[in-house]
Amino acid sequence: MPRPRGRAPRVESYRTRVSIGLGVIALLLVAIPFVPAVAGVGGSTVRYSYEPRLTKEVTGQFVSTAHGPVKLFSWSDPQTSFPQDSLRVHASQIGSILVRAAAVDSVSAYQLYDLGRQRRVPLLLRTSTPRQLALAPARALAPGRYSFVATHEGMFGGRDFTYLEVVPPGSPITAISSRPRATAPAVLDALLPLCATLVALAFAVLLLRSLRRRRSGEKVLWATGFFLFGLAAACEAAAQRTGWSPGLFRVYYLAGGVLTVAFLGAGSAWLLLPKRGRDLLLGGLAVATAAAIVTVALAPVSTTALALTPHGRPPPNGALGGQAFLWAIALNTFGTVFLIGGSLYAIVRRRRIRSNVWIAAGAIVVALATGLSRTGSYSFVYAGQLLGIALMFSGFAFVGEAPAPRSREREELRGLRPARASRA
């Protein structure tokens, strides 16, 4: 007896492959944040290094020592707790504090605070050039924790907060590498966004391949959103190895900060809108995308902000001037409303409940992970974002798939049981 044709084996095989892939990705997501702790990578033994040559492009705050200057890592906001990976040195090691920028401010704009004794430490000017100041404490620093506050871009710019700890003689200090270009954190920081790139592109390809079974506009929009997320992650991976440039930051900001959520949300909106509404959606999204591209391309980029970006972190959004942030706010709001709100609406209406639960959960996880960026723990930020897009993909992939037949129907399709007689 010939085997009847049916869609059940193909649907089950597809879902099995997707489930296995998601399981492998989930395992990687759990493992990635713990790689530094298990391998001993990312600690202070390799994070700080002597800078053998300070070119005009090298800016920031440095501690001048007998073996060369050591760059301090900075934050744009004061930290609520003292950073555990701050530079630990003996007072005898500190020669002066170097401030390098495209244009330095007056001496009074730079202040050193003794956090333990809650007082300001007077600084003396050693040398001064238009791009560099050398400031020295008026007296030897006592053991304790210190914060150095520096302004940038003049009176209308922001402030950078750096931290260092002076320890008593004989206490362990930070091991400083003599190879600034061969540090493990650079490899690790590039590895995380590279993983995000590969996962996002794989999801985009799987969604496009599913179009062979069923033509659907929502999967094209979702695949485009994953591609944009992967493009933004690829830009960050490249920047961790070569440094941020204005062009690289524009692509990163446009793809990840402006368009990704908009296209993912447009895919969810496609399922809820009638044909006329879908035409308006595509037209509005095309116009908004073109306008955002032009706005970001013409917006000025602060090279000083790019240069002051701590290693392992993307530049602040304020590095891009002009009105580009308006497009980011508008398109992200639109995308979030349809991703989360549309899924909740569909769940209430009992439409594609399982798929929409995955989509809503993934969108919430991505939002929470992005919020972790304020803590500076970017390993967990990327792990959370990858987990979120994996959850969303699991919902996207099964939208429109035919439900698996029940056991009796599967046996009938395989010819193991005679088909039930149709009722008159």
Protein backbone atom coordinates (compact mmCIF):
# COMPACT_ATOMS: atom_id res chain seq x y z
CA MET A 1 0.00 0.00 0.00
CA PRO A 2 1.57 3.36 -0.97
CA ARG A 3 2.39 5.67 1.87
CA PRO A 4 0.06 8.64 1.88
CA ARG A 5 1.66 12.02 1.73
CA GLY A 6 1.25 14.35 4.64
CA ARG A 7 2.87 17.33 6.33
CA ALA A 8 3.23 15.75 9.74
CA PRO A 9 6.73 14.23 9.32
CA ARG A 10 8.10 17.47 7.85
CA VAL A 11 6.58 19.63 10.59
CA GLU A 12 7.83 17.30 13.33
CA SER A 13 11.32 17.18 11.79
CA TYR A 14 11.45 20.95 11.53
CA ARG A 15 10.36 21.44 15.11
CA THR A 16 12.86 18.86 16.31
CA ARG A 17 15.73 20.63 14.56
CA VAL A 18 14.66 23.98 15.97
CA SER A 19 14.31 22.55 19.48
CA ILE A 20 17.77 20.96 19.35
CA GLY A 21 19.27 24.21 18.05
CA LEU A 22 17.63 26.24 20.80
CA GLY A 23 18.88 23.78 23.40
CA VAL A 24 22.46 24.12 22.19
CA ILE A 25 22.16 27.92 22.15
CA ALA A 26 20.71 27.93 25.67
CA LEU A 27 23.68 25.86 26.87
CA LEU A 28 26.10 28.34 25.30
CA LEU A 29 24.25 31.25 26.86
CA VAL A 30 24.61 29.72 30.30
CA ALA A 31 28.30 28.95 29.73
CA ILE A 32 29.47 32.24 28.18
CA PRO A 33 29.19 34.48 31.27
CA PHE A 34 31.15 31.99 33.36
CA VAL A 35 34.05 31.59 30.92
CA PRO A 36 36.05 34.46 32.45
CA ALA A 37 35.64 33.12 35.98
CA VAL A 38 36.54 29.52 35.10
CA ALA A 39 39.42 30.38 32.76
CA GLY A 40 40.76 33.22 34.87
CA VAL A 41 40.30 35.66 32.02
CA GLY A 42 39.32 39.26 32.52
CA GLY A 43 40.94 39.84 35.88
CA SER A 44 43.20 42.73 36.78
CA THR A 45 46.30 40.66 35.98
CA VAL A 46 45.77 41.30 32.27
CA ARG A 47 43.42 44.26 32.21
CA TYR A 48 45.95 47.03 32.89
CA SER A 49 49.04 47.59 30.80
CA TYR A 50 51.80 50.12 30.28
CA GLU A 51 51.30 52.36 27.26
CA PRO A 52 54.66 52.48 25.46
CA ARG A 53 53.61 55.25 23.06
CA LEU A 54 51.00 57.94 23.51
CA THR A 55 49.95 59.18 20.09
CA LYS A 56 47.55 62.10 19.65
CA GLU A 57 44.65 59.67 19.14
CA VAL A 58 45.18 58.15 22.62
CA THR A 59 43.06 60.07 25.13
CA GLY A 60 41.77 59.53 28.65
CA GLN A 61 43.22 59.53 32.15
CA PHE A 62 46.51 57.83 33.02
CA VAL A 63 48.69 57.23 36.06
CA SER A 64 52.30 58.02 35.25
CA THR A 65 54.73 55.47 36.72
CA ALA A 66 58.45 54.79 36.41
CA HIS A 67 57.73 52.09 33.79
CA GLY A 68 55.29 54.17 31.76
CA PRO A 69 51.73 55.50 31.90
CA VAL A 70 48.85 53.17 32.80
CA LYS A 71 45.38 54.01 31.52
CA LEU A 72 42.55 54.21 34.04
CA PHE A 73 39.10 52.93 33.11
CA SER A 74 36.41 55.58 33.32
CA TRP A 75 32.65 55.77 33.80
CA SER A 76 30.32 58.55 32.70
CA ASP A 77 28.52 58.42 36.08
CA PRO A 78 29.82 58.05 39.65
CA GLN A 79 29.70 54.45 40.82
CA THR A 80 27.52 53.59 43.81
CA SER A 81 30.13 51.09 45.02
CA PHE A 82 33.89 51.18 44.60
CA PRO A 83 34.88 49.11 41.52
CA GLN A 84 36.58 45.90 42.59
CA ASP A 85 38.80 45.87 39.48
CA SER A 86 40.19 49.36 40.02
CA LEU A 87 43.95 49.87 39.80
CA ARG A 88 45.79 48.99 43.03
CA VAL A 89 49.20 50.67 43.45
CA HIS A 90 51.65 51.79 46.12
CA ALA A 91 51.94 55.51 46.75
CA SER A 92 55.59 55.39 45.60
CA GLN A 93 54.48 54.23 42.15
CA ILE A 94 52.40 57.33 41.40
CA GLY A 95 54.34 60.03 39.64
CA SER A 96 51.49 62.14 38.27
CA ILE A 97 48.05 61.87 36.73
CA LEU A 98 47.98 62.51 32.98
CA VAL A 99 44.88 63.90 31.31
CA ARG A 100 44.78 63.63 27.52
CA ALA A 101 41.98 64.95 25.33
CA ALA A 102 41.37 66.70 22.02
CA ALA A 103 41.43 69.93 24.07
CA VAL A 104 42.06 69.89 27.83
CA ASP A 105 40.25 72.21 30.23
CA SER A 106 41.63 74.42 32.98
CA VAL A 107 43.33 72.77 35.95
CA SER A 108 40.34 73.43 38.22
CA ALA A 109 38.19 71.12 36.06
CA TYR A 110 40.14 68.08 37.32
CA GLN A 111 39.73 66.95 40.92
CA LEU A 112 41.03 64.08 43.03
CA TYR A 113 38.92 62.91 45.99
CA ASP A 114 39.89 60.79 48.97
CA LEU A 115 36.73 58.71 49.32
CA GLY A 116 37.55 57.20 52.71
CA ARG A 117 38.30 60.54 54.39
CA GLN A 118 35.74 62.42 52.26
CA ARG A 119 38.00 65.26 51.28
CA ARG A 120 39.55 66.76 48.18
CA VAL A 121 43.25 66.24 47.47
CA PRO A 122 45.00 69.36 46.11
CA LEU A 123 46.66 68.89 42.69
CA LEU A 124 49.69 70.73 41.35
CA LEU A 125 50.28 71.39 37.68
CA ARG A 126 53.50 69.78 36.45
CA THR A 127 53.28 70.33 32.67
CA SER A 128 50.64 71.65 30.32
CA THR A 129 49.99 71.44 26.56
CA PRO A 130 46.77 72.02 24.56
CA ARG A 131 46.16 68.24 24.56
CA GLN A 132 47.69 67.06 27.85
CA LEU A 133 47.95 68.01 31.49
CA ALA A 134 50.25 66.43 34.08
CA LEU A 135 48.85 66.83 37.60
CA ALA A 136 50.55 65.66 40.79
CA PRO A 137 49.13 65.37 44.33
CA ALA A 138 50.41 68.14 46.60
CA ARG A 139 51.49 65.45 49.08
CA ALA A 140 52.05 61.72 49.04
CA LEU A 141 48.79 59.81 48.95
CA ALA A 142 47.89 57.88 52.08
CA PRO A 143 46.55 54.33 51.70
CA GLY A 144 42.89 54.46 50.73
CA ARG A 145 40.44 54.68 47.85
CA TYR A 146 40.45 57.62 45.46
CA SER A 147 38.30 58.96 42.65
CA PHE A 148 39.61 61.24 39.90
CA VAL A 149 36.95 63.38 38.19
CA ALA A 150 37.71 64.92 34.80
CA THR A 151 35.61 67.02 32.44
CA HIS A 152 35.65 66.67 28.67
CA GLU A 153 34.45 68.82 25.77
CA GLY A 154 34.55 72.02 27.85
CA MET A 155 31.88 73.42 30.16
CA PHE A 156 29.05 71.93 28.09
CA GLY A 157 30.50 68.43 28.03
CA GLY A 158 30.27 65.59 30.50
CA ARG A 159 32.47 64.19 33.24
CA ASP A 160 34.53 61.03 33.53
CA PHE A 161 34.97 59.18 36.82
CA THR A 162 38.02 56.99 37.35
CA TYR A 163 39.03 55.07 40.45
CA LEU A 164 42.27 53.81 41.97
CA GLU A 165 43.29 52.35 45.30
CA VAL A 166 46.52 53.12 47.14
CA VAL A 167 47.56 50.16 49.30
CA PRO A 168 50.15 50.03 52.13
CA PRO A 169 53.71 48.87 51.39
CA GLY A 170 53.91 45.09 51.17
CA SER A 171 50.26 44.68 50.14
CA PRO A 172 49.49 43.02 46.78
CA ILE A 173 49.04 45.37 43.87
CA THR A 174 47.62 45.08 40.37
CA ALA A 175 49.86 43.17 37.98
CA ILE A 176 50.41 45.46 35.00
CA SER A 177 51.17 43.90 31.62
CA SER A 178 53.90 45.21 29.34
CA ARG A 179 51.93 44.05 26.25
CA PRO A 180 48.97 46.42 25.83
CA ARG A 181 47.85 44.89 22.52
CA ALA A 182 47.87 41.23 23.61
CA THR A 183 45.37 41.13 26.44
CA ALA A 184 42.81 38.41 26.95
CA PRO A 185 39.87 40.77 27.65
CA ALA A 186 40.12 42.10 24.08
CA VAL A 187 39.63 38.58 22.76
CA LEU A 188 36.80 37.85 25.17
CA ASP A 189 35.05 41.17 24.55
CA ALA A 190 35.12 40.48 20.81
CA LEU A 191 33.96 36.88 21.30
CA LEU A 192 30.64 37.76 22.94
CA PRO A 193 29.31 40.07 20.18
CA LEU A 194 30.68 37.65 17.58
CA CYS A 195 28.54 34.88 19.09
CA ALA A 196 25.55 37.21 18.97
CA THR A 197 26.25 37.91 15.30
CA LEU A 198 26.37 34.24 14.34
CA VAL A 199 23.25 33.34 16.32
CA ALA A 200 21.21 36.27 14.93
CA LEU A 201 22.24 35.52 11.34
CA ALA A 202 21.41 31.84 11.81
CA PHE A 203 17.93 32.78 13.02
CA ALA A 204 17.45 35.10 10.03
CA VAL A 205 18.43 32.33 7.60
CA LEU A 206 16.08 29.81 9.26
CA LEU A 207 13.17 32.23 9.05
CA LEU A 208 13.85 32.90 5.37
CA ARG A 209 14.13 29.18 4.65
CA SER A 210 10.72 28.62 6.20
CA LEU A 211 9.24 30.81 3.45
CA ARG A 212 9.53 27.81 1.13
CA ARG A 213 6.77 26.13 3.11
CA ARG A 214 4.59 29.18 3.60
CA ARG A 215 4.90 32.67 2.15
CA SER A 216 4.46 35.17 4.98
CA GLY A 217 5.40 38.84 5.24
CA GLU A 218 5.89 38.70 9.00
CA LYS A 219 8.81 36.28 8.72
CA VAL A 220 10.55 38.54 6.20
CA LEU A 221 10.27 41.44 8.67
CA TRP A 222 11.46 39.29 11.58
CA ALA A 223 14.39 37.96 9.55
CA THR A 224 15.36 41.55 8.70
CA GLY A 225 15.25 42.45 12.38
CA PHE A 226 17.57 39.57 13.29
CA PHE A 227 19.92 40.54 10.46
CA LEU A 228 20.09 44.12 11.78
CA PHE A 229 20.80 42.85 15.31
CA GLY A 230 23.61 40.69 13.92
CA LEU A 231 25.01 43.65 11.99
CA ALA A 232 25.12 45.78 15.14
CA ALA A 233 26.83 42.99 17.09
CA ALA A 234 29.36 42.55 14.26
CA CYS A 235 30.20 46.25 14.45
CA GLU A 236 30.87 45.93 18.18
CA ALA A 237 33.02 42.84 17.65
CA ALA A 238 35.10 44.73 15.08
CA ALA A 239 35.38 47.76 17.38
CA GLN A 240 36.73 45.66 20.25
CA ARG A 241 39.65 44.70 18.02
CA THR A 242 40.26 47.90 16.01
CA GLY A 243 38.61 50.67 18.03
CA TRP A 244 35.54 52.74 17.35
CA SER A 245 35.42 54.96 14.28
CA PRO A 246 32.62 57.41 13.37
CA GLY A 247 31.45 55.23 10.47
CA LEU A 248 31.44 52.05 12.54
CA PHE A 249 29.49 53.74 15.34
CA ARG A 250 26.90 55.11 12.88
CA VAL A 251 26.21 51.62 11.51
CA TYR A 252 26.07 50.19 15.05
CA TYR A 253 23.66 52.90 16.24
CA LEU A 254 21.42 52.70 13.16
CA ALA A 255 21.17 48.91 13.00
CA GLY A 256 20.97 48.11 16.70
CA GLY A 257 19.69 51.27 18.35
CA VAL A 258 17.14 52.41 15.75
CA LEU A 259 15.92 49.70 13.36
CA THR A 260 16.15 46.25 15.00
CA VAL A 261 13.19 46.55 17.37
CA ALA A 262 11.17 48.42 14.73
CA PHE A 263 11.38 45.55 12.23
CA LEU A 264 10.72 42.88 14.87
CA GLY A 265 7.67 44.83 16.04
CA ALA A 266 6.52 45.34 12.45
CA GLY A 267 6.50 41.56 12.00
CA SER A 268 4.17 41.18 14.98
CA ALA A 269 2.00 44.05 13.72
CA TRP A 270 1.69 42.28 10.35
CA LEU A 271 -0.20 39.43 12.01
CA LEU A 272 -2.75 41.78 13.60
CA LEU A 273 -3.46 44.18 10.74
CA PRO A 274 -5.79 43.75 7.76
CA LYS A 275 -4.44 43.97 4.20
CA ARG A 276 -4.94 47.73 3.99
CA GLY A 277 -3.22 48.21 7.33
CA ARG A 278 -0.28 46.09 6.18
CA ASP A 279 0.19 48.31 3.14
CA LEU A 280 0.27 51.38 5.38
CA LEU A 281 2.68 49.62 7.75
CA LEU A 282 5.16 48.82 4.96
CA GLY A 283 4.94 52.33 3.54
CA GLY A 284 5.46 53.99 6.90
CA LEU A 285 8.31 51.65 7.84
CA ALA A 286 10.06 52.29 4.51
CA VAL A 287 9.79 56.08 4.90
CA ALA A 288 10.92 55.97 8.54
CA THR A 289 13.88 53.70 7.69
CA ALA A 290 15.04 55.98 4.87
CA ALA A 291 14.70 59.07 7.05
CA ALA A 292 16.57 57.42 9.93
CA ILE A 293 19.41 56.37 7.60
CA VAL A 294 19.81 59.92 6.28
CA THR A 295 19.62 61.45 9.77
CA VAL A 296 22.22 59.12 11.25
CA ALA A 297 24.52 59.47 8.22
CA LEU A 298 24.51 63.28 8.53
CA ALA A 299 24.69 63.44 12.34
CA PRO A 300 28.05 64.51 13.82
CA VAL A 301 29.97 61.98 15.91
CA SER A 302 32.12 63.05 18.85
CA THR A 303 35.54 61.53 18.29
CA THR A 304 36.44 62.45 21.86
CA ALA A 305 33.56 60.38 23.22
CA LEU A 306 34.65 57.45 21.04
CA ALA A 307 38.22 57.72 22.29
CA LEU A 308 37.12 57.88 25.93
CA THR A 309 34.91 54.78 25.63
CA PRO A 310 36.13 52.13 28.10
CA HIS A 311 37.29 48.90 26.51
CA GLY A 312 34.61 46.24 26.29
CA ARG A 313 31.72 48.71 26.17
CA PRO A 314 29.96 50.50 23.31
CA PRO A 315 30.11 54.32 23.18
CA PRO A 316 27.28 56.24 24.87
CA ASN A 317 24.36 57.22 22.66
CA GLY A 318 25.29 60.85 23.27
CA ALA A 319 28.36 60.34 21.06
CA LEU A 320 26.00 60.86 18.09
CA GLY A 321 24.78 64.44 17.83
CA GLY A 322 21.86 65.97 15.95
CA GLN A 323 18.30 64.66 16.14
CA ALA A 324 18.97 60.98 15.46
CA PHE A 325 17.84 60.06 18.96
CA LEU A 326 14.27 61.05 18.02
CA TRP A 327 14.13 58.25 15.45
CA ALA A 328 15.55 55.82 18.00
CA ILE A 329 12.85 56.76 20.53
CA ALA A 330 10.00 56.66 18.01
CA LEU A 331 10.91 53.39 16.27
CA ASN A 332 11.84 51.56 19.47
CA THR A 333 8.56 52.63 21.07
CA PHE A 334 6.61 51.42 18.02
CA GLY A 335 8.47 48.10 17.95
CA THR A 336 8.12 47.45 21.68
CA VAL A 337 4.39 48.23 21.69
CA PHE A 338 3.70 45.68 18.95
CA LEU A 339 6.17 43.07 20.21
CA ILE A 340 4.89 42.97 23.77
CA GLY A 341 1.46 44.58 23.46
CA GLY A 342 0.57 42.69 20.29
CA SER A 343 1.57 39.37 21.83
CA LEU A 344 -0.45 40.04 24.98
CA TYR A 345 -3.45 41.04 22.85
CA ALA A 346 -3.18 37.83 20.84
CA ILE A 347 -2.92 35.78 24.04
CA VAL A 348 -6.08 37.40 25.43
CA ARG A 349 -7.85 36.67 22.14
CA ARG A 350 -6.57 33.07 22.34
CA ARG A 351 -4.68 33.31 19.06
CA ARG A 352 -1.33 31.50 18.72
CA ILE A 353 -0.98 31.42 22.50
CA ARG A 354 2.26 29.42 22.69
CA SER A 355 4.04 31.44 20.01
CA ASN A 356 3.02 34.77 21.53
CA VAL A 357 4.09 33.71 25.03
CA TRP A 358 7.59 33.01 23.67
CA ILE A 359 7.66 36.31 21.74
CA ALA A 360 6.54 38.42 24.71
CA ALA A 361 8.95 36.65 27.09
CA GLY A 362 11.84 37.17 24.69
CA ALA A 363 11.09 40.87 24.25
CA ILE A 364 10.95 41.37 28.02
CA VAL A 365 14.24 39.48 28.55
CA VAL A 366 15.96 41.64 25.89
CA ALA A 367 14.67 44.81 27.56
CA LEU A 368 15.86 43.68 30.99
CA ALA A 369 19.26 42.62 29.62
CA THR A 370 19.72 45.99 27.93
CA GLY A 371 19.00 47.64 31.25
CA LEU A 372 21.93 45.72 32.76
CA SER A 373 24.28 47.75 30.56
CA ARG A 374 24.16 50.48 33.22
CA THR A 375 25.96 48.12 35.59
CA GLY A 376 28.85 47.61 33.17
CA SER A 377 28.49 43.80 33.22
CA TYR A 378 28.41 43.33 29.46
CA SER A 379 29.00 39.57 29.59
CA PHE A 380 25.58 39.14 31.16
CA VAL A 381 24.07 41.82 28.90
CA TYR A 382 24.93 39.84 25.77
CA ALA A 383 23.92 36.55 27.36
CA GLY A 384 20.54 38.06 28.22
CA GLN A 385 20.07 39.54 24.77
CA LEU A 386 20.93 36.24 23.11
CA LEU A 387 18.52 34.41 25.38
CA GLY A 388 15.83 36.95 24.53
CA ILE A 389 16.21 36.67 20.77
CA ALA A 390 16.29 32.86 21.12
CA LEU A 391 12.94 33.00 22.91
CA MET A 392 11.53 35.34 20.28
CA PHE A 393 12.79 33.13 17.48
CA SER A 394 11.09 30.10 19.01
CA GLY A 395 7.82 32.04 18.83
CA PHE A 396 8.49 33.45 15.36
CA ALA A 397 9.46 30.07 13.93
CA PHE A 398 6.23 28.34 14.88
CA VAL A 399 3.85 31.11 13.78
CA GLY A 400 1.80 29.76 10.93
CA GLU A 401 3.11 26.19 11.26
CA ALA A 402 0.42 23.54 11.01
CA PRO A 403 -0.25 21.87 14.34
CA ALA A 404 1.00 18.33 14.71
CA PRO A 405 -1.78 15.77 14.04
CA ARG A 406 -3.08 13.66 16.85
CA SER A 407 -1.82 10.12 17.33
CA ARG A 408 -4.75 8.48 15.44
CA GLU A 409 -4.34 10.89 12.53
CA ARG A 410 -0.58 10.21 12.39
CA GLU A 411 -1.24 6.46 12.17
CA GLU A 412 -3.74 7.00 9.39
CA LEU A 413 -1.22 9.10 7.47
CA ARG A 414 1.39 6.36 7.84
CA GLY A 415 -1.07 3.67 6.69
CA LEU A 416 -0.96 1.78 9.98
CA ARG A 417 -4.68 2.20 10.63
CA PRO A 418 -7.55 2.35 8.17
CA ALA A 419 -9.03 5.79 7.74
CA ARG A 420 -12.24 6.48 9.55
CA ALA A 421 -15.34 6.35 7.41
CA SER A 422 -16.76 9.76 6.68
CA ARG A 423 -20.13 10.49 8.12
CA ALA A 424 -23.00 11.05 5.78
